[in-house]
Protein backbone atom coordinates (compact mmCIF):
# COMPACT_ATOMS: atom_id res chain seq x y z
CA MET A 1 28.04 8.93 20.40
CA THR A 2 30.17 7.44 23.15
CA ALA A 3 31.38 3.86 23.36
CA ALA A 4 28.95 3.23 26.23
CA VAL A 5 25.82 4.08 24.19
CA PRO A 6 24.22 0.98 22.62
CA ARG A 7 23.37 0.91 18.93
CA MET A 8 20.47 -1.00 17.43
CA GLY A 9 21.70 -4.34 16.09
CA SER A 10 18.70 -6.41 15.05
CA VAL A 11 15.21 -7.52 15.92
CA VAL A 12 14.79 -11.22 16.77
CA LEU A 13 11.52 -13.13 16.40
CA ASP A 14 10.81 -16.53 17.97
CA CYS A 15 9.15 -18.93 15.55
CA PRO A 16 8.67 -22.63 14.76
CA ASP A 17 10.60 -22.50 11.44
CA PRO A 18 13.32 -19.80 11.24
CA ARG A 19 14.24 -20.39 7.57
CA ALA A 20 10.61 -20.29 6.38
CA LEU A 21 9.86 -17.07 8.27
CA ALA A 22 13.13 -15.48 7.11
CA ASP A 23 12.17 -16.36 3.52
CA PHE A 24 8.72 -14.76 3.99
CA TYR A 25 10.18 -11.48 5.26
CA ALA A 26 13.00 -11.48 2.68
CA ARG A 27 10.39 -11.72 -0.10
CA LEU A 28 8.03 -9.21 1.56
CA LEU A 29 10.79 -6.63 2.05
CA ASP A 30 12.65 -7.55 -1.16
CA TRP A 31 15.82 -8.22 0.84
CA PRO A 32 18.33 -10.85 -0.21
CA PRO A 33 18.34 -14.18 1.61
CA ASN A 34 21.18 -14.51 4.07
CA GLU A 35 23.60 -17.41 3.85
CA ARG A 36 24.79 -17.11 7.48
CA ASP A 37 21.98 -19.26 8.85
CA GLU A 38 22.73 -21.76 11.59
CA PRO A 39 20.59 -24.62 12.90
CA GLY A 40 17.60 -23.03 14.63
CA TRP A 41 18.54 -19.51 13.47
CA ALA A 42 18.11 -17.40 10.32
CA THR A 43 19.01 -13.81 9.51
CA ILE A 44 18.06 -11.36 6.77
CA GLU A 45 19.73 -8.00 6.23
CA GLY A 46 18.45 -5.04 4.26
CA PRO A 47 20.50 -2.76 2.06
CA ASP A 48 20.65 -0.16 4.84
CA GLY A 49 22.11 -2.69 7.30
CA ALA A 50 18.87 -3.27 9.23
CA MET A 51 18.57 -6.91 10.30
CA ILE A 52 15.73 -9.21 11.32
CA GLU A 53 16.72 -12.51 12.89
CA PHE A 54 14.60 -15.57 13.57
CA GLN A 55 15.22 -18.14 16.29
CA LEU A 56 13.68 -21.55 16.77
CA ALA A 57 11.17 -21.82 19.60
CA THR A 58 10.02 -25.43 19.77
CA ASP A 59 7.10 -24.50 22.05
CA TYR A 60 6.15 -21.40 20.04
CA ARG A 61 2.53 -20.32 20.32
CA PRO A 62 1.51 -17.41 18.09
CA PRO A 63 -0.11 -14.28 19.49
CA THR A 64 -3.91 -14.22 19.44
CA TRP A 65 -4.17 -10.45 18.87
CA PRO A 66 -6.52 -8.73 19.39
CA ASP A 67 -7.65 -11.40 21.89
CA PRO A 68 -5.55 -10.78 25.03
CA GLU A 69 -5.08 -14.51 25.78
CA ARG A 70 -1.60 -14.33 24.15
CA PRO A 71 -0.86 -10.65 23.39
CA GLN A 72 1.30 -9.58 20.49
CA MET A 73 3.98 -8.02 22.77
CA PHE A 74 5.79 -6.75 19.67
CA HIS A 75 5.08 -5.99 16.03
CA LEU A 76 6.78 -4.49 12.99
CA ASP A 77 5.49 -1.33 11.30
CA LEU A 78 6.53 -1.41 7.64
CA ARG A 79 6.09 1.78 5.60
CA VAL A 80 4.71 1.53 2.07
CA ASP A 81 3.94 3.99 -0.73
CA ASP A 82 0.94 2.11 -2.15
CA LEU A 83 -1.17 0.41 0.53
CA ASP A 84 -3.35 -1.56 -1.91
CA ALA A 85 -0.38 -2.91 -3.89
CA ALA A 86 1.50 -3.75 -0.68
CA HIS A 87 -1.60 -5.55 0.62
CA GLU A 88 -1.77 -7.74 -2.49
CA ARG A 89 1.95 -8.51 -2.21
CA ALA A 90 1.73 -9.43 1.50
CA VAL A 91 -1.33 -11.65 1.08
CA GLY A 92 0.20 -13.30 -2.00
CA LEU A 93 3.26 -14.20 0.09
CA GLY A 94 1.16 -15.77 2.85
CA ALA A 95 0.22 -12.93 5.22
CA LYS A 96 -3.23 -13.14 6.83
CA PRO A 97 -5.21 -9.84 7.07
CA LEU A 98 -6.32 -9.03 10.63
CA ASP A 99 -7.52 -5.41 10.60
CA GLN A 100 -7.83 -2.46 8.25
CA GLN A 101 -7.72 1.25 8.98
CA ARG A 102 -7.54 4.26 6.69
CA THR A 103 -3.74 4.61 6.73
CA PHE A 104 -2.56 1.16 7.83
CA ARG A 105 -3.45 -2.52 7.73
CA VAL A 106 -2.61 -5.24 10.23
CA TYR A 107 -1.56 -8.75 9.20
CA ALA A 108 -0.24 -11.95 10.73
CA ASP A 109 2.90 -13.40 9.19
CA PRO A 110 2.96 -17.17 8.51
CA ALA A 111 4.04 -17.83 12.13
CA GLY A 112 1.27 -15.58 13.51
CA HIS A 113 3.31 -12.46 14.45
CA PRO A 114 1.31 -9.29 13.80
CA PHE A 115 2.82 -6.66 11.51
CA CYS A 116 1.47 -3.49 9.94
CA LEU A 117 1.74 -2.02 6.48
CA CYS A 118 1.59 1.73 7.02
CA HIS A 119 0.95 4.57 4.60
CA CYS A 120 1.21 7.26 7.27
């Protein structure tokens, strides 16, 4: 890899409450909470160095997927070994089920961002 080739740093989600959404994903992914939060910004980091960051959007409006009025534009695919157990965990943490297929299920996080639990 050369110095000119970018490397993936993090994924950033707009939301109305960065700390609350960071806490949801930290619990869902079983990642530690991150103490580097700043006003209007929160970060979680997994054991492999992957990061999800959350930034305050005061005028945030959640996607209306699958209604195209406000499309999802982006979503996370999270791999799981046991789809039923992962479903119960996600719903217990506040995820809202949106769709179900044979090998994956679609949810909205507490701020309305779609994400998938995949057993693919």
